[in-house]
Amino acid sequence: MDLQLKGRCALVTGASAGIGRGIAQALAAEGVKLAVTARRRDKLDALQREAGVPMAIIEQDFMAEGSPQRIAEAAVKALGQVDILVNNAGGSRAFKLDASEQQWEEALTLNFTRQRQLAHALLPGMIERKWGRIVNITGKSEPEGINGAFAAKAAMHAWAKGLSREVGKFGITVNSIPPGRIHSEQILRNYTPEYRQWQAEHEIPVGRYGEPEDIAALVCFLASPKAGYITGAVIPVDGGLRRYQF
């Protein structure tokens, strides 16, 4: 299928590794002009070499005050415009009952506020051109404990749904993808090989952990003109791991 993405311009956050890296590579393969951002410049340089295409590299701490505006301005300056925003940057940390206000604020800023700010910084251009795609890489809706990221991702889903209803008339779609167990630095760090094998065999219907490419394929479709009638959706890519029915 020709996704009609060649020549479009995209910004991918958290592109240095894992899911973000896979998304950037897949978009590049579709002929999309890319701006990529993360904290680790060496990883972004390696991504560009592996993809074999020029990329605008924006080394930026996503948590820094004012970073969304700086990232948006740098991407627009490099690419001319941003048609597609992939909000991938984020991180998850389990909390105890006595988690501090600082911990909560950090989690909400990293996993919701910065993404919202970045999207709103780029929306005026999308509205002016009457075309745009915002794809958020979010998280599961089955909290098994207290985790600031769970609350932030729920906020992302609610914000994205509301935003989709405001901007649809401008040809802009807003969708969210909660990943399941996708191989990444975080997964390898947090789960032993024995546990990953057990979970794949006993809890994931398709029998394996996912790869970044599994997420990237859906991102490419949602970013394309072919998906113009899909908006406000939350589409898990988890091999059937989650048990909710919608």
C-alpha atoms as a PDB file:
ATOM      1  CA  MET A   1       0.000   0.000   0.000  1.00  0.00           C
ATOM      2  CA  ASP A   2       1.289   3.450  -0.919  1.00  0.00           C
ATOM      3  CA  LEU A   3       0.804   5.481   2.261  1.00  0.00           C
ATOM      4  CA  GLN A   4       1.351   8.742   0.364  1.00  0.00           C
ATOM      5  CA  LEU A   5       3.819   9.975   2.987  1.00  0.00           C
ATOM      6  CA  LYS A   6       6.726  10.898   0.741  1.00  0.00           C
ATOM      7  CA  GLY A   7       7.681  14.521   1.260  1.00  0.00           C
ATOM      8  CA  ARG A   8       5.713  14.980   4.470  1.00  0.00           C
ATOM      9  CA  CYS A   9       7.582  16.422   7.446  1.00  0.00           C
ATOM     10  CA  ALA A  10       7.575  14.761  10.859  1.00  0.00           C
ATOM     11  CA  LEU A  11       8.935  15.362  14.338  1.00  0.00           C
ATOM     12  CA  VAL A  12       9.591  12.305  16.518  1.00  0.00           C
ATOM     13  CA  THR A  13      10.452  12.772  20.196  1.00  0.00           C
ATOM     14  CA  GLY A  14      12.391  10.243  22.229  1.00  0.00           C
ATOM     15  CA  ALA A  15      13.905   8.928  19.008  1.00  0.00           C
ATOM     16  CA  SER A  16      17.265   7.774  20.347  1.00  0.00           C
ATOM     17  CA  ALA A  17      16.229   4.185  21.184  1.00  0.00           C
ATOM     18  CA  GLY A  18      13.459   1.616  21.299  1.00  0.00           C
ATOM     19  CA  ILE A  19      10.014   2.544  20.008  1.00  0.00           C
ATOM     20  CA  GLY A  20      10.952   6.081  18.989  1.00  0.00           C
ATOM     21  CA  ARG A  21      13.944   4.887  17.023  1.00  0.00           C
ATOM     22  CA  GLY A  22      11.828   2.279  15.236  1.00  0.00           C
ATOM     23  CA  ILE A  23       9.201   4.892  14.359  1.00  0.00           C
ATOM     24  CA  ALA A  24      11.803   7.276  12.975  1.00  0.00           C
ATOM     25  CA  GLN A  25      13.339   4.536  10.830  1.00  0.00           C
ATOM     26  CA  ALA A  26       9.945   3.478   9.469  1.00  0.00           C
ATOM     27  CA  LEU A  27       8.910   7.035   8.604  1.00  0.00           C
ATOM     28  CA  ALA A  28      12.252   7.639   6.919  1.00  0.00           C
ATOM     29  CA  ALA A  29      11.733   4.504   4.828  1.00  0.00           C
ATOM     30  CA  GLU A  30       8.390   5.968   3.671  1.00  0.00           C
ATOM     31  CA  GLY A  31      10.152   9.089   2.415  1.00  0.00           C
ATOM     32  CA  VAL A  32       9.203  11.372   5.293  1.00  0.00           C
ATOM     33  CA  LYS A  33      11.524  14.277   6.087  1.00  0.00           C
ATOM     34  CA  LEU A  34      12.454  13.974   9.747  1.00  0.00           C
ATOM     35  CA  ALA A  35      13.382  15.986  12.781  1.00  0.00           C
ATOM     36  CA  VAL A  36      14.294  13.802  15.758  1.00  0.00           C
ATOM     37  CA  THR A  37      14.895  14.782  19.347  1.00  0.00           C
ATOM     38  CA  ALA A  38      16.275  13.180  22.499  1.00  0.00           C
ATOM     39  CA  ARG A  39      18.936  13.847  25.130  1.00  0.00           C
ATOM     40  CA  ARG A  40      21.589  11.525  23.683  1.00  0.00           C
ATOM     41  CA  ARG A  41      23.140  13.130  20.616  1.00  0.00           C
ATOM     42  CA  ASP A  42      25.365  10.132  19.875  1.00  0.00           C
ATOM     43  CA  LYS A  43      22.316   7.866  19.611  1.00  0.00           C
ATOM     44  CA  LEU A  44      20.574  10.293  17.260  1.00  0.00           C
ATOM     45  CA  ASP A  45      23.687  10.493  15.082  1.00  0.00           C
ATOM     46  CA  ALA A  46      23.770   6.684  14.933  1.00  0.00           C
ATOM     47  CA  LEU A  47      20.075   6.635  13.971  1.00  0.00           C
ATOM     48  CA  GLN A  48      20.736   8.992  11.085  1.00  0.00           C
ATOM     49  CA  ARG A  49      23.640   6.858   9.836  1.00  0.00           C
ATOM     50  CA  GLU A  50      21.578   3.672  10.001  1.00  0.00           C
ATOM     51  CA  ALA A  51      18.560   5.237   8.282  1.00  0.00           C
ATOM     52  CA  GLY A  52      20.822   6.532   5.519  1.00  0.00           C
ATOM     53  CA  VAL A  53      18.902   9.794   5.095  1.00  0.00           C
ATOM     54  CA  PRO A  54      19.453  13.334   6.401  1.00  0.00           C
ATOM     55  CA  MET A  55      17.637  14.204   9.615  1.00  0.00           C
ATOM     56  CA  ALA A  56      17.352  17.380  11.637  1.00  0.00           C
ATOM     57  CA  ILE A  57      18.834  16.389  14.994  1.00  0.00           C
ATOM     58  CA  ILE A  58      17.585  18.313  18.017  1.00  0.00           C
ATOM     59  CA  GLU A  59      19.448  17.463  21.206  1.00  0.00           C
ATOM     60  CA  GLN A  60      17.143  18.589  23.999  1.00  0.00           C
ATOM     61  CA  ASP A  61      16.220  17.675  27.568  1.00  0.00           C
ATOM     62  CA  PHE A  62      12.446  17.224  27.280  1.00  0.00           C
ATOM     63  CA  MET A  63      11.987  18.083  30.951  1.00  0.00           C
ATOM     64  CA  ALA A  64      13.664  21.495  30.714  1.00  0.00           C
ATOM     65  CA  GLU A  65      11.373  24.498  31.053  1.00  0.00           C
ATOM     66  CA  GLY A  66      10.478  25.846  27.627  1.00  0.00           C
ATOM     67  CA  SER A  67      11.779  22.786  25.794  1.00  0.00           C
ATOM     68  CA  PRO A  68       8.573  22.137  23.756  1.00  0.00           C
ATOM     69  CA  GLN A  69       8.677  25.609  22.221  1.00  0.00           C
ATOM     70  CA  ARG A  70      12.391  25.306  21.453  1.00  0.00           C
ATOM     71  CA  ILE A  71      11.910  21.872  19.900  1.00  0.00           C
ATOM     72  CA  ALA A  72       8.973  23.057  17.792  1.00  0.00           C
ATOM     73  CA  GLU A  73      10.869  26.107  16.550  1.00  0.00           C
ATOM     74  CA  ALA A  74      13.970  24.056  15.707  1.00  0.00           C
ATOM     75  CA  ALA A  75      11.926  21.469  13.802  1.00  0.00           C
ATOM     76  CA  VAL A  76      10.032  24.076  11.785  1.00  0.00           C
ATOM     77  CA  LYS A  77      13.255  25.934  11.010  1.00  0.00           C
ATOM     78  CA  ALA A  78      14.917  22.732   9.784  1.00  0.00           C
ATOM     79  CA  LEU A  79      12.006  21.236   7.877  1.00  0.00           C
ATOM     80  CA  GLY A  80       9.964  24.285   6.877  1.00  0.00           C
ATOM     81  CA  GLN A  81       6.883  22.830   8.560  1.00  0.00           C
ATOM     82  CA  VAL A  82       5.786  19.900  10.710  1.00  0.00           C
ATOM     83  CA  ASP A  83       2.895  17.844   9.333  1.00  0.00           C
ATOM     84  CA  ILE A  84       3.253  14.888  11.709  1.00  0.00           C
ATOM     85  CA  LEU A  85       4.063  14.923  15.413  1.00  0.00           C
ATOM     86  CA  VAL A  86       4.886  11.656  17.152  1.00  0.00           C
ATOM     87  CA  ASN A  87       4.814  12.220  20.914  1.00  0.00           C
ATOM     88  CA  ASN A  88       6.962   9.310  22.062  1.00  0.00           C
ATOM     89  CA  ALA A  89       9.165  10.706  24.848  1.00  0.00           C
ATOM     90  CA  GLY A  90       8.253   9.593  28.378  1.00  0.00           C
ATOM     91  CA  GLY A  91       9.128   7.251  31.196  1.00  0.00           C
ATOM     92  CA  SER A  92       7.536   5.137  33.898  1.00  0.00           C
ATOM     93  CA  ARG A  93       8.467   4.811  37.569  1.00  0.00           C
ATOM     94  CA  ALA A  94       6.485   2.980  40.235  1.00  0.00           C
ATOM     95  CA  PHE A  95       5.603   5.071  43.298  1.00  0.00           C
ATOM     96  CA  LYS A  96       5.099   4.238  46.936  1.00  0.00           C
ATOM     97  CA  LEU A  97       2.216   5.629  48.967  1.00  0.00           C
ATOM     98  CA  ASP A  98       4.435   8.379  50.342  1.00  0.00           C
ATOM     99  CA  ALA A  99       5.642   9.598  46.934  1.00  0.00           C
ATOM    100  CA  SER A 100       6.563  13.263  47.079  1.00  0.00           C
ATOM    101  CA  GLU A 101       4.867  16.100  45.242  1.00  0.00           C
ATOM    102  CA  GLN A 102       8.090  16.514  43.294  1.00  0.00           C
ATOM    103  CA  GLN A 103       7.869  12.917  42.051  1.00  0.00           C
ATOM    104  CA  TRP A 104       4.267  13.391  40.964  1.00  0.00           C
ATOM    105  CA  GLU A 105       5.042  16.669  39.239  1.00  0.00           C
ATOM    106  CA  GLU A 106       7.987  15.132  37.401  1.00  0.00           C
ATOM    107  CA  ALA A 107       5.911  12.181  36.169  1.00  0.00           C
ATOM    108  CA  LEU A 108       3.033  14.355  34.976  1.00  0.00           C
ATOM    109  CA  THR A 109       5.386  16.821  33.284  1.00  0.00           C
ATOM    110  CA  LEU A 110       7.353  14.116  31.473  1.00  0.00           C
ATOM    111  CA  ASN A 111       4.370  12.033  30.371  1.00  0.00           C
ATOM    112  CA  PHE A 112       1.647  14.611  29.728  1.00  0.00           C
ATOM    113  CA  THR A 113       2.469  18.303  30.061  1.00  0.00           C
ATOM    114  CA  ARG A 114       5.431  18.445  27.684  1.00  0.00           C
ATOM    115  CA  GLN A 115       3.590  16.436  25.016  1.00  0.00           C
ATOM    116  CA  ARG A 116       0.573  18.712  25.281  1.00  0.00           C
ATOM    117  CA  GLN A 117       2.749  21.822  25.083  1.00  0.00           C
ATOM    118  CA  LEU A 118       4.625  20.532  22.044  1.00  0.00           C
ATOM    119  CA  ALA A 119       1.420  19.668  20.196  1.00  0.00           C
ATOM    120  CA  HIS A 120      -0.085  23.078  20.904  1.00  0.00           C
ATOM    121  CA  ALA A 121       3.119  24.763  19.713  1.00  0.00           C
ATOM    122  CA  LEU A 122       2.776  23.006  16.337  1.00  0.00           C
ATOM    123  CA  LEU A 123      -1.007  23.159  15.937  1.00  0.00           C
ATOM    124  CA  PRO A 124      -1.214  26.689  14.462  1.00  0.00           C
ATOM    125  CA  GLY A 125       0.817  25.611  11.431  1.00  0.00           C
ATOM    126  CA  MET A 126      -1.264  22.473  10.962  1.00  0.00           C
ATOM    127  CA  ILE A 127      -4.466  24.490  11.222  1.00  0.00           C
ATOM    128  CA  GLU A 128      -3.202  27.023   8.686  1.00  0.00           C
ATOM    129  CA  ARG A 129      -2.346  24.232   6.210  1.00  0.00           C
ATOM    130  CA  LYS A 130      -5.549  22.332   7.058  1.00  0.00           C
ATOM    131  CA  TRP A 131      -3.691  19.042   7.518  1.00  0.00           C
ATOM    132  CA  GLY A 132      -1.899  17.379  10.377  1.00  0.00           C
ATOM    133  CA  ARG A 133      -1.328  14.201  12.335  1.00  0.00           C
ATOM    134  CA  ILE A 134      -0.628  13.862  16.058  1.00  0.00           C
ATOM    135  CA  VAL A 135       0.198  10.354  17.271  1.00  0.00           C
ATOM    136  CA  ASN A 136       0.822   9.818  20.982  1.00  0.00           C
ATOM    137  CA  ILE A 137       2.650   6.771  22.310  1.00  0.00           C
ATOM    138  CA  THR A 138       0.925   6.358  25.660  1.00  0.00           C
ATOM    139  CA  GLY A 139       0.394   3.501  28.109  1.00  0.00           C
ATOM    140  CA  LYS A 140      -1.918   0.845  29.431  1.00  0.00           C
ATOM    141  CA  SER A 141      -5.243   1.471  31.160  1.00  0.00           C
ATOM    142  CA  GLU A 142      -4.785  -1.285  33.760  1.00  0.00           C
ATOM    143  CA  PRO A 143      -2.864   0.256  36.690  1.00  0.00           C
ATOM    144  CA  GLU A 144      -1.632  -2.492  39.003  1.00  0.00           C
ATOM    145  CA  GLY A 145      -0.289   0.005  41.506  1.00  0.00           C
ATOM    146  CA  ILE A 146       0.590   3.655  41.982  1.00  0.00           C
ATOM    147  CA  ASN A 147       2.627   5.032  39.119  1.00  0.00           C
ATOM    148  CA  GLY A 148       2.736   8.657  38.044  1.00  0.00           C
ATOM    149  CA  ALA A 149       2.956   7.633  34.403  1.00  0.00           C
ATOM    150  CA  PHE A 150      -0.363   5.755  34.614  1.00  0.00           C
ATOM    151  CA  ALA A 151      -2.147   8.923  35.708  1.00  0.00           C
ATOM    152  CA  ALA A 152      -0.326  10.991  33.092  1.00  0.00           C
ATOM    153  CA  LYS A 153      -1.169   8.588  30.264  1.00  0.00           C
ATOM    154  CA  ALA A 154      -4.831   8.615  31.282  1.00  0.00           C
ATOM    155  CA  ALA A 155      -4.652  12.405  31.016  1.00  0.00           C
ATOM    156  CA  MET A 156      -3.090  12.020  27.557  1.00  0.00           C
ATOM    157  CA  HIS A 157      -5.982   9.865  26.393  1.00  0.00           C
ATOM    158  CA  ALA A 158      -8.565  12.339  27.680  1.00  0.00           C
ATOM    159  CA  TRP A 159      -6.726  15.352  26.258  1.00  0.00           C
ATOM    160  CA  ALA A 160      -6.210  13.675  22.871  1.00  0.00           C
ATOM    161  CA  LYS A 161      -9.882  12.744  22.600  1.00  0.00           C
ATOM    162  CA  GLY A 162     -10.991  16.271  23.429  1.00  0.00           C
ATOM    163  CA  LEU A 163      -8.441  17.816  21.071  1.00  0.00           C
ATOM    164  CA  SER A 164      -9.525  15.532  18.242  1.00  0.00           C
ATOM    165  CA  ARG A 165     -13.022  16.978  18.441  1.00  0.00           C
ATOM    166  CA  GLU A 166     -11.713  20.522  18.177  1.00  0.00           C
ATOM    167  CA  VAL A 167      -9.283  20.105  15.272  1.00  0.00           C
ATOM    168  CA  GLY A 168     -10.954  17.510  13.040  1.00  0.00           C
ATOM    169  CA  LYS A 169     -12.528  20.256  10.933  1.00  0.00           C
ATOM    170  CA  PHE A 170      -9.011  21.382   9.995  1.00  0.00           C
ATOM    171  CA  GLY A 171      -8.005  17.988   8.607  1.00  0.00           C
ATOM    172  CA  ILE A 172      -6.014  17.129  11.738  1.00  0.00           C
ATOM    173  CA  THR A 173      -6.283  13.760  13.475  1.00  0.00           C
ATOM    174  CA  VAL A 174      -5.170  12.914  17.005  1.00  0.00           C
ATOM    175  CA  ASN A 175      -4.696   9.295  18.076  1.00  0.00           C
ATOM    176  CA  SER A 176      -3.004   7.359  20.861  1.00  0.00           C
ATOM    177  CA  ILE A 177      -1.161   4.029  20.856  1.00  0.00           C
ATOM    178  CA  PRO A 178      -0.619   2.211  24.174  1.00  0.00           C
ATOM    179  CA  PRO A 179       2.195  -0.302  23.637  1.00  0.00           C
ATOM    180  CA  GLY A 180       2.296  -3.684  25.278  1.00  0.00           C
ATOM    181  CA  ARG A 181       5.590  -5.429  25.998  1.00  0.00           C
ATOM    182  CA  ILE A 182       7.858  -4.023  23.300  1.00  0.00           C
ATOM    183  CA  HIS A 183      11.571  -4.835  23.331  1.00  0.00           C
ATOM    184  CA  SER A 184      13.471  -1.751  24.471  1.00  0.00           C
ATOM    185  CA  GLU A 185      16.230  -0.690  26.840  1.00  0.00           C
ATOM    186  CA  GLN A 186      13.656  -0.274  29.605  1.00  0.00           C
ATOM    187  CA  ILE A 187      12.177  -3.739  29.105  1.00  0.00           C
ATOM    188  CA  LEU A 188      15.606  -5.378  29.059  1.00  0.00           C
ATOM    189  CA  ARG A 189      16.584  -3.462  32.189  1.00  0.00           C
ATOM    190  CA  ASN A 190      13.428  -4.193  34.185  1.00  0.00           C
ATOM    191  CA  TYR A 191      12.568  -7.793  33.266  1.00  0.00           C
ATOM    192  CA  THR A 192      14.735 -10.894  33.307  1.00  0.00           C
ATOM    193  CA  PRO A 193      14.951 -13.181  30.265  1.00  0.00           C
ATOM    194  CA  GLU A 194      13.195 -15.863  32.310  1.00  0.00           C
ATOM    195  CA  TYR A 195      10.267 -13.603  33.145  1.00  0.00           C
ATOM    196  CA  ARG A 196       9.969 -12.371  29.544  1.00  0.00           C
ATOM    197  CA  GLN A 197       9.845 -15.939  28.302  1.00  0.00           C
ATOM    198  CA  TRP A 198       7.250 -16.931  30.905  1.00  0.00           C
ATOM    199  CA  GLN A 199       5.040 -13.938  30.150  1.00  0.00           C
ATOM    200  CA  ALA A 200       5.251 -14.470  26.407  1.00  0.00           C
ATOM    201  CA  GLU A 201       4.143 -18.078  26.824  1.00  0.00           C
ATOM    202  CA  HIS A 202       1.436 -17.554  29.453  1.00  0.00           C
ATOM    203  CA  GLU A 203       0.019 -14.029  29.193  1.00  0.00           C
ATOM    204  CA  ILE A 204       0.488 -12.787  25.624  1.00  0.00           C
ATOM    205  CA  PRO A 205      -1.863 -14.536  23.183  1.00  0.00           C
ATOM    206  CA  VAL A 206       0.440 -14.160  20.180  1.00  0.00           C
ATOM    207  CA  GLY A 207       3.252 -15.735  22.208  1.00  0.00           C
ATOM    208  CA  ARG A 208       5.990 -13.121  22.008  1.00  0.00           C
ATOM    209  CA  TYR A 209       7.120  -9.670  23.055  1.00  0.00           C
ATOM    210  CA  GLY A 210       6.679  -7.027  20.386  1.00  0.00           C
ATOM    211  CA  GLU A 211       9.316  -5.140  18.429  1.00  0.00           C
ATOM    212  CA  PRO A 212       9.492  -1.384  17.756  1.00  0.00           C
ATOM    213  CA  GLU A 213       8.517  -2.157  14.172  1.00  0.00           C
ATOM    214  CA  ASP A 214       5.143  -3.428  15.394  1.00  0.00           C
ATOM    215  CA  ILE A 215       4.359   0.041  16.747  1.00  0.00           C
ATOM    216  CA  ALA A 216       5.990   1.844  13.837  1.00  0.00           C
ATOM    217  CA  ALA A 217       3.756   0.178  11.250  1.00  0.00           C
ATOM    218  CA  LEU A 218       0.629   1.549  12.906  1.00  0.00           C
ATOM    219  CA  VAL A 219       2.196   4.996  13.374  1.00  0.00           C
ATOM    220  CA  CYS A 220       2.956   5.171   9.657  1.00  0.00           C
ATOM    221  CA  PHE A 221      -0.618   4.281   8.784  1.00  0.00           C
ATOM    222  CA  LEU A 222      -2.145   6.752  11.256  1.00  0.00           C
ATOM    223  CA  ALA A 223       0.205   9.437   9.943  1.00  0.00           C
ATOM    224  CA  SER A 224      -0.901   8.868   6.367  1.00  0.00           C
ATOM    225  CA  PRO A 225      -3.777  10.346   4.356  1.00  0.00           C
ATOM    226  CA  LYS A 226      -5.238   6.820   4.281  1.00  0.00           C
ATOM    227  CA  ALA A 227      -6.166   7.167   7.986  1.00  0.00           C
ATOM    228  CA  GLY A 228      -7.970  10.482   7.673  1.00  0.00           C
ATOM    229  CA  TYR A 229     -11.187   9.052   9.142  1.00  0.00           C
ATOM    230  CA  ILE A 230      -9.512   7.690  12.286  1.00  0.00           C
ATOM    231  CA  THR A 231      -9.250  10.190  15.118  1.00  0.00           C
ATOM    232  CA  GLY A 232      -9.710  10.317  18.879  1.00  0.00           C
ATOM    233  CA  ALA A 233      -8.883   6.609  19.009  1.00  0.00           C
ATOM    234  CA  VAL A 234      -6.836   4.632  21.505  1.00  0.00           C
ATOM    235  CA  ILE A 235      -5.392   1.614  19.670  1.00  0.00           C
ATOM    236  CA  PRO A 236      -3.344  -0.854  21.763  1.00  0.00           C
ATOM    237  CA  VAL A 237      -0.487  -2.739  20.129  1.00  0.00           C
ATOM    238  CA  ASP A 238       0.132  -5.450  22.706  1.00  0.00           C
ATOM    239  CA  GLY A 239      -0.255  -8.898  21.165  1.00  0.00           C
ATOM    240  CA  GLY A 240      -3.569  -9.277  23.023  1.00  0.00           C
ATOM    241  CA  LEU A 241      -1.993  -8.852  26.484  1.00  0.00           C
ATOM    242  CA  ARG A 242      -4.598  -6.427  27.840  1.00  0.00           C
ATOM    243  CA  ARG A 243      -7.959  -7.871  28.865  1.00  0.00           C
ATOM    244  CA  TYR A 244     -10.288  -4.901  28.505  1.00  0.00           C
ATOM    245  CA  GLN A 245     -12.681  -5.201  25.585  1.00  0.00           C
ATOM    246  CA  PHE A 246     -12.354  -1.658  24.225  1.00  0.00           C
END
